[in-house]
Amino acid sequence: MRDDALDIPSYEDMLAAHDRIRPHIRCTPVRVSDYLNDLTGASLFFKCENFQEPGAFKVRGAANAVFGLNDEQARRGVATHSSGNHASCLSYAAMRRGIPCNVVMPHTAPQAKKDTVRRYGGQITECEPSTTSREATFAQVQAATGGDFVHPYNDPRVIAGQGTCSREFIEQTDGLDSVVAPIGGGGMVSGCCLTLSTLAPETQIIAAEPEQADDAYRSFKAGHIIADDAPKTVADGLLVPLKERTWHFVSRHVTDILTASEQEIIDAMKLAWKHLRIVVEPSSAVPLATVLKNPDRFAGKRVGIIITGGNVDLDRLPWLGSA
């Protein structure tokens, strides 16, 4: 049942979203690694959302929002603010529907993500790398364009779309003891909560966060939202705070939030590249980093890890320093 006060999406909204977006997304594969299983003592299953056409899970929520617009709404296009992956995914969905897309991005966003937005026809306005600057700049852009605001995560259409990922994941693995996903604003984690609380209520939902951008962890411990304005971490996709809709899911359904240091994230990213043989961006390496850091927590368990994206600047990989 929908929560009317916050317009919280329901399980039925997720099912409808899945039907709506199937022509525009991929049912991404699940990968395993004997080496990583031996290293952690767990059976790890990696849901490879980096294999989506725009390189990230956010195409699910973006496509649900874009293709849920009526024709009159669609003519005005869509608009958003994003550090990169939501911007590229919304641009991709808008391109497929043939409508305009305007995005506000911090000037520090990886060049690879800016290039992807432009390749899909998105128009970029740059801002300072802070939540305050993003929201203020976006208000100006939306006033000028009139596009439908598709929030990167605090949007019921987006959360319902992200929930389709864990539906596929459970069906592909015949059940999991826990699912670990990275958390910034909480869109993917909220989608997991939305779906798994109905489809697999016995599955624990664990969020993974950088130590240097740990506002979700502190919020979880405090029992209310704590927002940092401009945290700095190699995991550039996890820089934004929780909002009221994502907090609704996190506070009710998440089992725990675990954190990892910058070096632990980089080390996990390298392990994923080497042993899964796929491109994983830093934000997507945070869940593996937390599993490696807490082996007793996961030993002997069937653990699902969502690789949320693979958009990286190959000339500025984190282990290359400032190169």
C-alpha atoms as a PDB file:
ATOM      1  CA  MET A   1       0.000   0.000   0.000  1.00  0.00           C
ATOM      2  CA  ARG A   2       1.294   3.480  -0.903  1.00  0.00           C
ATOM      3  CA  ASP A   3       2.249   5.796   1.968  1.00  0.00           C
ATOM      4  CA  ASP A   4       0.272   8.920   1.006  1.00  0.00           C
ATOM      5  CA  ALA A   5       2.108  11.312   3.333  1.00  0.00           C
ATOM      6  CA  LEU A   6       5.443  10.892   1.521  1.00  0.00           C
ATOM      7  CA  ASP A   7       4.192   9.332  -1.719  1.00  0.00           C
ATOM      8  CA  ILE A   8       6.146   6.166  -0.949  1.00  0.00           C
ATOM      9  CA  PRO A   9       6.089   3.642  -3.808  1.00  0.00           C
ATOM     10  CA  SER A  10       4.620   0.192  -3.242  1.00  0.00           C
ATOM     11  CA  TYR A  11       5.641  -3.296  -4.317  1.00  0.00           C
ATOM     12  CA  GLU A  12       2.953  -3.064  -7.005  1.00  0.00           C
ATOM     13  CA  ASP A  13       4.588   0.137  -8.268  1.00  0.00           C
ATOM     14  CA  MET A  14       7.848  -1.800  -8.643  1.00  0.00           C
ATOM     15  CA  LEU A  15       6.105  -4.542 -10.631  1.00  0.00           C
ATOM     16  CA  ALA A  16       4.517  -1.944 -12.911  1.00  0.00           C
ATOM     17  CA  ALA A  17       7.886  -0.228 -13.324  1.00  0.00           C
ATOM     18  CA  HIS A  18       9.507  -3.504 -14.375  1.00  0.00           C
ATOM     19  CA  ASP A  19       6.906  -4.016 -17.092  1.00  0.00           C
ATOM     20  CA  ARG A  20       7.333  -0.405 -18.257  1.00  0.00           C
ATOM     21  CA  ILE A  21      11.136  -0.397 -18.482  1.00  0.00           C
ATOM     22  CA  ARG A  22      11.894  -3.880 -19.838  1.00  0.00           C
ATOM     23  CA  PRO A  23      12.376  -2.645 -23.442  1.00  0.00           C
ATOM     24  CA  HIS A  24      14.895  -0.039 -22.258  1.00  0.00           C
ATOM     25  CA  ILE A  25      17.123  -1.918 -19.770  1.00  0.00           C
ATOM     26  CA  ARG A  26      19.110  -5.136 -19.594  1.00  0.00           C
ATOM     27  CA  CYS A  27      18.532  -7.977 -17.195  1.00  0.00           C
ATOM     28  CA  THR A  28      22.148  -7.846 -16.068  1.00  0.00           C
ATOM     29  CA  PRO A  29      24.156 -11.003 -15.353  1.00  0.00           C
ATOM     30  CA  VAL A  30      25.345 -12.321 -12.003  1.00  0.00           C
ATOM     31  CA  ARG A  31      29.046 -13.140 -11.714  1.00  0.00           C
ATOM     32  CA  VAL A  32      30.946 -15.235  -9.178  1.00  0.00           C
ATOM     33  CA  SER A  33      34.643 -15.651  -8.327  1.00  0.00           C
ATOM     34  CA  ASP A  34      36.136 -18.679  -6.627  1.00  0.00           C
ATOM     35  CA  TYR A  35      39.039 -16.513  -5.490  1.00  0.00           C
ATOM     36  CA  LEU A  36      36.808 -13.913  -3.816  1.00  0.00           C
ATOM     37  CA  ASN A  37      34.724 -16.674  -2.234  1.00  0.00           C
ATOM     38  CA  ASP A  38      37.861 -18.234  -0.751  1.00  0.00           C
ATOM     39  CA  LEU A  39      39.141 -14.847   0.373  1.00  0.00           C
ATOM     40  CA  THR A  40      35.935 -13.952   2.235  1.00  0.00           C
ATOM     41  CA  GLY A  41      34.728 -17.383   3.306  1.00  0.00           C
ATOM     42  CA  ALA A  42      31.338 -16.522   1.818  1.00  0.00           C
ATOM     43  CA  SER A  43      29.475 -17.363  -1.384  1.00  0.00           C
ATOM     44  CA  LEU A  44      29.446 -14.021  -3.178  1.00  0.00           C
ATOM     45  CA  PHE A  45      27.118 -13.196  -6.062  1.00  0.00           C
ATOM     46  CA  PHE A  46      27.770  -9.988  -7.986  1.00  0.00           C
ATOM     47  CA  LYS A  47      24.841  -8.369  -9.812  1.00  0.00           C
ATOM     48  CA  CYS A  48      26.557  -6.505 -12.659  1.00  0.00           C
ATOM     49  CA  GLU A  49      24.592  -3.310 -13.190  1.00  0.00           C
ATOM     50  CA  ASN A  50      27.717  -1.872 -14.792  1.00  0.00           C
ATOM     51  CA  PHE A  51      26.567  -3.859 -17.843  1.00  0.00           C
ATOM     52  CA  GLN A  52      23.596  -1.569 -18.403  1.00  0.00           C
ATOM     53  CA  GLU A  53      23.975   0.436 -21.620  1.00  0.00           C
ATOM     54  CA  PRO A  54      24.711   3.728 -19.757  1.00  0.00           C
ATOM     55  CA  GLY A  55      26.936   1.787 -17.340  1.00  0.00           C
ATOM     56  CA  ALA A  56      24.860   2.054 -14.159  1.00  0.00           C
ATOM     57  CA  PHE A  57      21.754   0.788 -12.357  1.00  0.00           C
ATOM     58  CA  LYS A  58      20.215   4.243 -12.410  1.00  0.00           C
ATOM     59  CA  VAL A  59      18.851   3.643 -15.903  1.00  0.00           C
ATOM     60  CA  ARG A  60      16.085   1.645 -14.202  1.00  0.00           C
ATOM     61  CA  GLY A  61      14.666   4.533 -12.209  1.00  0.00           C
ATOM     62  CA  ALA A  62      15.360   7.047 -14.960  1.00  0.00           C
ATOM     63  CA  ALA A  63      13.544   4.970 -17.571  1.00  0.00           C
ATOM     64  CA  ASN A  64      10.585   4.463 -15.265  1.00  0.00           C
ATOM     65  CA  ALA A  65      10.275   8.214 -14.770  1.00  0.00           C
ATOM     66  CA  VAL A  66      10.754   9.131 -18.437  1.00  0.00           C
ATOM     67  CA  PHE A  67       8.418   6.525 -19.891  1.00  0.00           C
ATOM     68  CA  GLY A  68       5.820   7.194 -17.222  1.00  0.00           C
ATOM     69  CA  LEU A  69       5.337  10.784 -18.424  1.00  0.00           C
ATOM     70  CA  ASN A  70       2.280  11.607 -20.467  1.00  0.00           C
ATOM     71  CA  ASP A  71       2.812  13.221 -23.865  1.00  0.00           C
ATOM     72  CA  GLU A  72       2.246  16.767 -22.612  1.00  0.00           C
ATOM     73  CA  GLN A  73       4.751  16.326 -19.765  1.00  0.00           C
ATOM     74  CA  ALA A  74       7.258  14.680 -22.097  1.00  0.00           C
ATOM     75  CA  ARG A  75       7.260  17.599 -24.516  1.00  0.00           C
ATOM     76  CA  ARG A  76       8.798  19.783 -21.798  1.00  0.00           C
ATOM     77  CA  GLY A  77      11.547  17.224 -21.247  1.00  0.00           C
ATOM     78  CA  VAL A  78      13.231  16.260 -17.990  1.00  0.00           C
ATOM     79  CA  ALA A  79      15.803  17.851 -15.710  1.00  0.00           C
ATOM     80  CA  THR A  80      17.930  16.788 -12.765  1.00  0.00           C
ATOM     81  CA  HIS A  81      21.109  17.311 -10.765  1.00  0.00           C
ATOM     82  CA  SER A  82      23.621  14.490 -10.452  1.00  0.00           C
ATOM     83  CA  SER A  83      27.288  13.677  -9.855  1.00  0.00           C
ATOM     84  CA  GLY A  84      27.217  11.599 -13.016  1.00  0.00           C
ATOM     85  CA  ASN A  85      25.438   8.264 -13.293  1.00  0.00           C
ATOM     86  CA  HIS A  86      21.879   9.528 -12.855  1.00  0.00           C
ATOM     87  CA  ALA A  87      22.650  12.316 -15.314  1.00  0.00           C
ATOM     88  CA  SER A  88      23.857   9.881 -17.957  1.00  0.00           C
ATOM     89  CA  CYS A  89      21.020   7.420 -17.334  1.00  0.00           C
ATOM     90  CA  LEU A  90      18.341  10.109 -17.505  1.00  0.00           C
ATOM     91  CA  SER A  91      19.932  11.471 -20.695  1.00  0.00           C
ATOM     92  CA  TYR A  92      19.891   7.962 -22.152  1.00  0.00           C
ATOM     93  CA  ALA A  93      16.226   7.396 -21.286  1.00  0.00           C
ATOM     94  CA  ALA A  94      15.298  10.831 -22.634  1.00  0.00           C
ATOM     95  CA  MET A  95      17.187  10.121 -25.862  1.00  0.00           C
ATOM     96  CA  ARG A  96      15.233   6.882 -26.305  1.00  0.00           C
ATOM     97  CA  ARG A  97      11.967   8.780 -25.915  1.00  0.00           C
ATOM     98  CA  GLY A  98      13.175  11.704 -28.030  1.00  0.00           C
ATOM     99  CA  ILE A  99      12.761  14.439 -25.414  1.00  0.00           C
ATOM    100  CA  PRO A 100      15.144  17.088 -23.978  1.00  0.00           C
ATOM    101  CA  CYS A 101      17.226  16.472 -20.856  1.00  0.00           C
ATOM    102  CA  ASN A 102      18.989  19.166 -18.798  1.00  0.00           C
ATOM    103  CA  VAL A 103      21.349  18.201 -15.981  1.00  0.00           C
ATOM    104  CA  VAL A 104      23.341  20.063 -13.348  1.00  0.00           C
ATOM    105  CA  MET A 105      26.666  18.397 -12.522  1.00  0.00           C
ATOM    106  CA  PRO A 106      29.528  19.403 -10.202  1.00  0.00           C
ATOM    107  CA  HIS A 107      32.526  20.597 -12.184  1.00  0.00           C
ATOM    108  CA  THR A 108      34.562  17.941 -10.366  1.00  0.00           C
ATOM    109  CA  ALA A 109      32.498  15.068 -11.802  1.00  0.00           C
ATOM    110  CA  PRO A 110      34.631  12.561 -13.756  1.00  0.00           C
ATOM    111  CA  GLN A 111      35.118  13.571 -17.370  1.00  0.00           C
ATOM    112  CA  ALA A 112      34.002  10.107 -18.472  1.00  0.00           C
ATOM    113  CA  LYS A 113      30.579  10.736 -16.921  1.00  0.00           C
ATOM    114  CA  LYS A 114      30.261  14.171 -18.505  1.00  0.00           C
ATOM    115  CA  ASP A 115      31.188  12.684 -21.873  1.00  0.00           C
ATOM    116  CA  THR A 116      28.509  10.019 -21.493  1.00  0.00           C
ATOM    117  CA  VAL A 117      25.821  12.610 -20.695  1.00  0.00           C
ATOM    118  CA  ARG A 118      26.718  14.598 -23.799  1.00  0.00           C
ATOM    119  CA  ARG A 119      26.853  11.457 -25.960  1.00  0.00           C
ATOM    120  CA  TYR A 120      23.227  10.786 -25.063  1.00  0.00           C
ATOM    121  CA  GLY A 121      22.209  14.364 -25.820  1.00  0.00           C
ATOM    122  CA  GLY A 122      22.028  15.737 -22.283  1.00  0.00           C
ATOM    123  CA  GLN A 123      22.716  19.451 -21.759  1.00  0.00           C
ATOM    124  CA  ILE A 124      25.076  20.082 -18.818  1.00  0.00           C
ATOM    125  CA  THR A 125      25.227  23.087 -16.502  1.00  0.00           C
ATOM    126  CA  GLU A 126      28.161  22.841 -14.074  1.00  0.00           C
ATOM    127  CA  CYS A 127      28.105  23.829 -10.394  1.00  0.00           C
ATOM    128  CA  GLU A 128      30.310  23.720  -7.325  1.00  0.00           C
ATOM    129  CA  PRO A 129      30.768  20.290  -5.665  1.00  0.00           C
ATOM    130  CA  SER A 130      28.305  20.764  -2.824  1.00  0.00           C
ATOM    131  CA  THR A 131      24.693  19.836  -2.244  1.00  0.00           C
ATOM    132  CA  THR A 132      23.815  23.491  -1.686  1.00  0.00           C
ATOM    133  CA  SER A 133      25.317  24.573  -5.013  1.00  0.00           C
ATOM    134  CA  ARG A 134      23.740  21.674  -6.903  1.00  0.00           C
ATOM    135  CA  GLU A 135      20.249  22.453  -5.664  1.00  0.00           C
ATOM    136  CA  ALA A 136      20.546  26.211  -6.157  1.00  0.00           C
ATOM    137  CA  THR A 137      21.914  25.876  -9.695  1.00  0.00           C
ATOM    138  CA  PHE A 138      19.268  23.298 -10.541  1.00  0.00           C
ATOM    139  CA  ALA A 139      16.480  25.627  -9.419  1.00  0.00           C
ATOM    140  CA  GLN A 140      17.697  28.148 -11.991  1.00  0.00           C
ATOM    141  CA  VAL A 141      17.952  25.538 -14.763  1.00  0.00           C
ATOM    142  CA  GLN A 142      14.499  24.118 -14.115  1.00  0.00           C
ATOM    143  CA  ALA A 143      12.940  27.575 -14.029  1.00  0.00           C
ATOM    144  CA  ALA A 144      14.468  28.265 -17.436  1.00  0.00           C
ATOM    145  CA  THR A 145      13.585  24.936 -19.078  1.00  0.00           C
ATOM    146  CA  GLY A 146      10.367  23.773 -17.405  1.00  0.00           C
ATOM    147  CA  GLY A 147      11.502  20.158 -17.517  1.00  0.00           C
ATOM    148  CA  ASP A 148       9.973  17.512 -15.229  1.00  0.00           C
ATOM    149  CA  PHE A 149      12.255  17.148 -12.206  1.00  0.00           C
ATOM    150  CA  VAL A 150      13.489  13.577 -11.865  1.00  0.00           C
ATOM    151  CA  HIS A 151      15.360  13.554  -8.559  1.00  0.00           C
ATOM    152  CA  PRO A 152      18.354  11.180  -8.521  1.00  0.00           C
ATOM    153  CA  TYR A 153      16.854   9.182  -5.649  1.00  0.00           C
ATOM    154  CA  ASN A 154      14.170  11.032  -3.657  1.00  0.00           C
ATOM    155  CA  ASP A 155      11.500  10.262  -6.251  1.00  0.00           C
ATOM    156  CA  PRO A 156       8.913   7.470  -5.992  1.00  0.00           C
ATOM    157  CA  ARG A 157       9.264   6.661  -9.703  1.00  0.00           C
ATOM    158  CA  VAL A 158      13.024   6.316  -9.337  1.00  0.00           C
ATOM    159  CA  ILE A 159      12.830   4.155  -6.208  1.00  0.00           C
ATOM    160  CA  ALA A 160      10.279   1.855  -7.849  1.00  0.00           C
ATOM    161  CA  GLY A 161      12.559   1.492 -10.868  1.00  0.00           C
ATOM    162  CA  GLN A 162      15.621   0.720  -8.757  1.00  0.00           C
ATOM    163  CA  GLY A 163      13.621  -1.967  -6.953  1.00  0.00           C
ATOM    164  CA  THR A 164      13.524  -4.026 -10.145  1.00  0.00           C
ATOM    165  CA  CYS A 165      17.224  -4.837  -9.732  1.00  0.00           C
ATOM    166  CA  SER A 166      16.798  -6.842  -6.535  1.00  0.00           C
ATOM    167  CA  ARG A 167      13.768  -8.609  -7.988  1.00  0.00           C
ATOM    168  CA  GLU A 168      15.966  -9.953 -10.775  1.00  0.00           C
ATOM    169  CA  PHE A 169      18.784 -10.680  -8.321  1.00  0.00           C
ATOM    170  CA  ILE A 170      16.691 -12.905  -6.061  1.00  0.00           C
ATOM    171  CA  GLU A 171      15.271 -14.784  -9.048  1.00  0.00           C
ATOM    172  CA  GLN A 172      18.744 -15.284 -10.571  1.00  0.00           C
ATOM    173  CA  THR A 173      20.307 -16.647  -7.368  1.00  0.00           C
ATOM    174  CA  ASP A 174      17.467 -18.677  -5.842  1.00  0.00           C
ATOM    175  CA  GLY A 175      17.679 -16.624  -2.669  1.00  0.00           C
ATOM    176  CA  LEU A 176      20.309 -14.796  -0.635  1.00  0.00           C
ATOM    177  CA  ASP A 177      21.065 -14.434   3.076  1.00  0.00           C
ATOM    178  CA  SER A 178      21.939 -10.782   2.576  1.00  0.00           C
ATOM    179  CA  VAL A 179      22.233  -8.139  -0.110  1.00  0.00           C
ATOM    180  CA  VAL A 180      24.932  -5.474   0.204  1.00  0.00           C
ATOM    181  CA  ALA A 181      24.620  -2.277  -1.820  1.00  0.00           C
ATOM    182  CA  PRO A 182      26.391   1.087  -1.713  1.00  0.00           C
ATOM    183  CA  ILE A 183      24.559   4.007  -0.158  1.00  0.00           C
ATOM    184  CA  GLY A 184      24.766   7.708  -0.911  1.00  0.00           C
ATOM    185  CA  GLY A 185      21.329   9.207  -1.248  1.00  0.00           C
ATOM    186  CA  GLY A 186      19.843   5.746  -0.841  1.00  0.00           C
ATOM    187  CA  GLY A 187      18.001   5.120  -4.115  1.00  0.00           C
ATOM    188  CA  MET A 188      19.334   1.626  -4.741  1.00  0.00           C
ATOM    189  CA  VAL A 189      19.119   0.624  -1.083  1.00  0.00           C
ATOM    190  CA  SER A 190      15.541   1.907  -0.941  1.00  0.00           C
ATOM    191  CA  GLY A 191      14.713  -0.114  -4.030  1.00  0.00           C
ATOM    192  CA  CYS A 192      16.150  -3.191  -2.330  1.00  0.00           C
ATOM    193  CA  CYS A 193      14.043  -2.484   0.750  1.00  0.00           C
ATOM    194  CA  LEU A 194      10.908  -1.955  -1.325  1.00  0.00           C
ATOM    195  CA  THR A 195      11.295  -5.257  -3.152  1.00  0.00           C
ATOM    196  CA  LEU A 196      12.932  -7.573  -0.652  1.00  0.00           C
ATOM    197  CA  SER A 197      10.683  -6.678   2.281  1.00  0.00           C
ATOM    198  CA  THR A 198       7.879  -8.310   0.284  1.00  0.00           C
ATOM    199  CA  LEU A 199       9.625 -10.792  -2.008  1.00  0.00           C
ATOM    200  CA  ALA A 200      12.309 -12.080   0.383  1.00  0.00           C
ATOM    201  CA  PRO A 201      11.750 -10.669   3.890  1.00  0.00           C
ATOM    202  CA  GLU A 202      14.296 -13.080   5.366  1.00  0.00           C
ATOM    203  CA  THR A 203      17.099 -11.477   3.309  1.00  0.00           C
ATOM    204  CA  GLN A 204      19.084  -8.897   5.263  1.00  0.00           C
ATOM    205  CA  ILE A 205      19.719  -5.559   3.560  1.00  0.00           C
ATOM    206  CA  ILE A 206      23.100  -4.066   4.389  1.00  0.00           C
ATOM    207  CA  ALA A 207      24.265  -0.691   3.111  1.00  0.00           C
ATOM    208  CA  ALA A 208      27.936   0.109   2.471  1.00  0.00           C
ATOM    209  CA  GLU A 209      29.394   3.608   2.713  1.00  0.00           C
ATOM    210  CA  PRO A 210      32.784   5.361   2.576  1.00  0.00           C
ATOM    211  CA  GLU A 211      34.172   6.416   5.966  1.00  0.00           C
ATOM    212  CA  GLN A 212      34.824   9.876   4.530  1.00  0.00           C
ATOM    213  CA  ALA A 213      31.188  10.296   3.480  1.00  0.00           C
ATOM    214  CA  ASP A 214      29.458   8.421   6.279  1.00  0.00           C
ATOM    215  CA  ASP A 215      26.381  10.587   6.841  1.00  0.00           C
ATOM    216  CA  ALA A 216      24.021   7.643   6.204  1.00  0.00           C
ATOM    217  CA  TYR A 217      25.893   5.582   8.809  1.00  0.00           C
ATOM    218  CA  ARG A 218      25.654   8.423  11.336  1.00  0.00           C
ATOM    219  CA  SER A 219      21.998   8.984  10.451  1.00  0.00           C
ATOM    220  CA  PHE A 220      21.269   5.284  10.973  1.00  0.00           C
ATOM    221  CA  LYS A 221      22.908   5.316  14.405  1.00  0.00           C
ATOM    222  CA  ALA A 222      21.272   8.607  15.452  1.00  0.00           C
ATOM    223  CA  GLY A 223      17.788   7.737  14.224  1.00  0.00           C
ATOM    224  CA  HIS A 224      17.378  10.844  12.066  1.00  0.00           C
ATOM    225  CA  ILE A 225      18.879  12.279   8.886  1.00  0.00           C
ATOM    226  CA  ILE A 226      22.321  13.864   9.223  1.00  0.00           C
ATOM    227  CA  ALA A 227      23.401  15.592   6.018  1.00  0.00           C
ATOM    228  CA  ASP A 228      26.946  16.537   5.011  1.00  0.00           C
ATOM    229  CA  ASP A 229      27.155  19.307   2.427  1.00  0.00           C
ATOM    230  CA  ALA A 230      30.372  18.477   0.584  1.00  0.00           C
ATOM    231  CA  PRO A 231      32.114  15.247   1.673  1.00  0.00           C
ATOM    232  CA  LYS A 232      35.210  14.119  -0.206  1.00  0.00           C
ATOM    233  CA  THR A 233      35.836  10.509  -1.175  1.00  0.00           C
ATOM    234  CA  VAL A 234      37.120   8.486  -4.111  1.00  0.00           C
ATOM    235  CA  ALA A 235      33.585   7.044  -4.291  1.00  0.00           C
ATOM    236  CA  ASP A 236      32.233  10.062  -6.191  1.00  0.00           C
ATOM    237  CA  GLY A 237      28.782   8.529  -6.670  1.00  0.00           C
ATOM    238  CA  LEU A 238      28.109   8.493  -2.914  1.00  0.00           C
ATOM    239  CA  LEU A 239      28.443  12.175  -2.050  1.00  0.00           C
ATOM    240  CA  VAL A 240      24.798  13.063  -1.484  1.00  0.00           C
ATOM    241  CA  PRO A 241      22.698  12.803   1.709  1.00  0.00           C
ATOM    242  CA  LEU A 242      19.601  10.775   2.459  1.00  0.00           C
ATOM    243  CA  LYS A 243      16.221  12.431   1.885  1.00  0.00           C
ATOM    244  CA  GLU A 244      12.841  11.791   3.469  1.00  0.00           C
ATOM    245  CA  ARG A 245      11.701   9.021   1.087  1.00  0.00           C
ATOM    246  CA  THR A 246      14.931   7.073   1.189  1.00  0.00           C
ATOM    247  CA  TRP A 247      15.133   7.551   4.966  1.00  0.00           C
ATOM    248  CA  HIS A 248      11.662   5.991   5.163  1.00  0.00           C
ATOM    249  CA  PHE A 249      13.083   2.754   3.725  1.00  0.00           C
ATOM    250  CA  VAL A 250      16.503   2.848   5.379  1.00  0.00           C
ATOM    251  CA  SER A 251      15.123   3.448   8.858  1.00  0.00           C
ATOM    252  CA  ARG A 252      12.569   0.631   8.547  1.00  0.00           C
ATOM    253  CA  HIS A 253      14.279  -2.127   6.597  1.00  0.00           C
ATOM    254  CA  VAL A 254      18.087  -1.819   6.570  1.00  0.00           C
ATOM    255  CA  THR A 255      19.811  -4.251   8.928  1.00  0.00           C
ATOM    256  CA  ASP A 256      23.067  -2.308   9.221  1.00  0.00           C
ATOM    257  CA  ILE A 257      25.352   0.203   7.509  1.00  0.00           C
ATOM    258  CA  LEU A 258      29.031  -0.687   7.238  1.00  0.00           C
ATOM    259  CA  THR A 259      31.851   1.645   6.229  1.00  0.00           C
ATOM    260  CA  ALA A 260      35.203   1.303   4.483  1.00  0.00           C
ATOM    261  CA  SER A 261      38.283   3.510   4.268  1.00  0.00           C
ATOM    262  CA  GLU A 262      39.559   5.069   1.054  1.00  0.00           C
ATOM    263  CA  GLN A 263      42.368   2.511   0.770  1.00  0.00           C
ATOM    264  CA  GLU A 264      39.990  -0.373   1.455  1.00  0.00           C
ATOM    265  CA  ILE A 265      37.718   0.880  -1.335  1.00  0.00           C
ATOM    266  CA  ILE A 266      40.608   1.155  -3.784  1.00  0.00           C
ATOM    267  CA  ASP A 267      41.911  -2.301  -2.842  1.00  0.00           C
ATOM    268  CA  ALA A 268      38.446  -3.818  -3.326  1.00  0.00           C
ATOM    269  CA  MET A 269      38.107  -2.077  -6.683  1.00  0.00           C
ATOM    270  CA  LYS A 270      41.391  -3.596  -7.844  1.00  0.00           C
ATOM    271  CA  LEU A 271      40.315  -7.049  -6.645  1.00  0.00           C
ATOM    272  CA  ALA A 272      37.046  -6.783  -8.552  1.00  0.00           C
ATOM    273  CA  TRP A 273      38.812  -5.717 -11.734  1.00  0.00           C
ATOM    274  CA  LYS A 274      41.325  -8.538 -11.417  1.00  0.00           C
ATOM    275  CA  HIS A 275      39.127 -11.432 -10.331  1.00  0.00           C
ATOM    276  CA  LEU A 276      35.729 -10.569 -11.821  1.00  0.00           C
ATOM    277  CA  ARG A 277      37.468  -9.153 -14.903  1.00  0.00           C
ATOM    278  CA  ILE A 278      35.017  -6.302 -15.250  1.00  0.00           C
ATOM    279  CA  VAL A 279      35.187  -2.521 -14.910  1.00  0.00           C
ATOM    280  CA  VAL A 280      33.922  -1.416 -11.480  1.00  0.00           C
ATOM    281  CA  GLU A 281      33.829   2.214 -10.392  1.00  0.00           C
ATOM    282  CA  PRO A 282      34.929   3.184  -6.847  1.00  0.00           C
ATOM    283  CA  SER A 283      31.394   3.619  -5.490  1.00  0.00           C
ATOM    284  CA  SER A 284      30.568   0.087  -6.621  1.00  0.00           C
ATOM    285  CA  ALA A 285      33.594  -1.338  -4.816  1.00  0.00           C
ATOM    286  CA  VAL A 286      32.429  -0.150  -1.393  1.00  0.00           C
ATOM    287  CA  PRO A 287      30.202  -3.208  -0.713  1.00  0.00           C
ATOM    288  CA  LEU A 288      33.028  -5.653  -1.438  1.00  0.00           C
ATOM    289  CA  ALA A 289      35.331  -3.537   0.729  1.00  0.00           C
ATOM    290  CA  THR A 290      32.946  -3.837   3.684  1.00  0.00           C
ATOM    291  CA  VAL A 291      32.557  -7.597   3.207  1.00  0.00           C
ATOM    292  CA  LEU A 292      36.347  -7.993   3.173  1.00  0.00           C
ATOM    293  CA  LYS A 293      36.574  -5.814   6.282  1.00  0.00           C
ATOM    294  CA  ASN A 294      33.969  -7.843   8.205  1.00  0.00           C
ATOM    295  CA  PRO A 295      34.637 -11.489   7.266  1.00  0.00           C
ATOM    296  CA  ASP A 296      33.020 -12.965  10.381  1.00  0.00           C
ATOM    297  CA  ARG A 297      29.784 -11.164   9.532  1.00  0.00           C
ATOM    298  CA  PHE A 298      29.474 -12.889   6.154  1.00  0.00           C
ATOM    299  CA  ALA A 299      31.376 -16.182   6.485  1.00  0.00           C
ATOM    300  CA  GLY A 300      29.350 -19.162   5.314  1.00  0.00           C
ATOM    301  CA  LYS A 301      26.550 -16.970   3.959  1.00  0.00           C
ATOM    302  CA  ARG A 302      25.113 -16.418   0.484  1.00  0.00           C
ATOM    303  CA  VAL A 303      25.832 -12.738  -0.072  1.00  0.00           C
ATOM    304  CA  GLY A 304      24.572 -10.657  -2.968  1.00  0.00           C
ATOM    305  CA  ILE A 305      26.648  -7.621  -3.919  1.00  0.00           C
ATOM    306  CA  ILE A 306      25.228  -5.046  -6.314  1.00  0.00           C
ATOM    307  CA  ILE A 307      27.868  -3.569  -8.616  1.00  0.00           C
ATOM    308  CA  THR A 308      26.027  -0.341  -9.247  1.00  0.00           C
ATOM    309  CA  GLY A 309      28.178   1.110 -12.032  1.00  0.00           C
ATOM    310  CA  GLY A 310      31.305   0.967 -14.131  1.00  0.00           C
ATOM    311  CA  ASN A 311      31.816   4.512 -15.408  1.00  0.00           C
ATOM    312  CA  VAL A 312      35.418   5.487 -14.725  1.00  0.00           C
ATOM    313  CA  ASP A 313      37.987   7.833 -16.198  1.00  0.00           C
ATOM    314  CA  LEU A 314      40.640   5.369 -17.323  1.00  0.00           C
ATOM    315  CA  ASP A 315      43.290   8.114 -17.254  1.00  0.00           C
ATOM    316  CA  ARG A 316      42.566   8.903 -13.585  1.00  0.00           C
ATOM    317  CA  LEU A 317      42.203   5.565 -11.852  1.00  0.00           C
ATOM    318  CA  PRO A 318      42.520   5.989  -8.063  1.00  0.00           C
ATOM    319  CA  TRP A 319      45.582   3.770  -7.761  1.00  0.00           C
ATOM    320  CA  LEU A 320      47.372   5.980 -10.285  1.00  0.00           C
ATOM    321  CA  GLY A 321      47.388   8.928  -7.853  1.00  0.00           C
ATOM    322  CA  SER A 322      47.156  12.255  -9.623  1.00  0.00           C
ATOM    323  CA  ALA A 323      48.113  10.830 -13.017  1.00  0.00           C
END
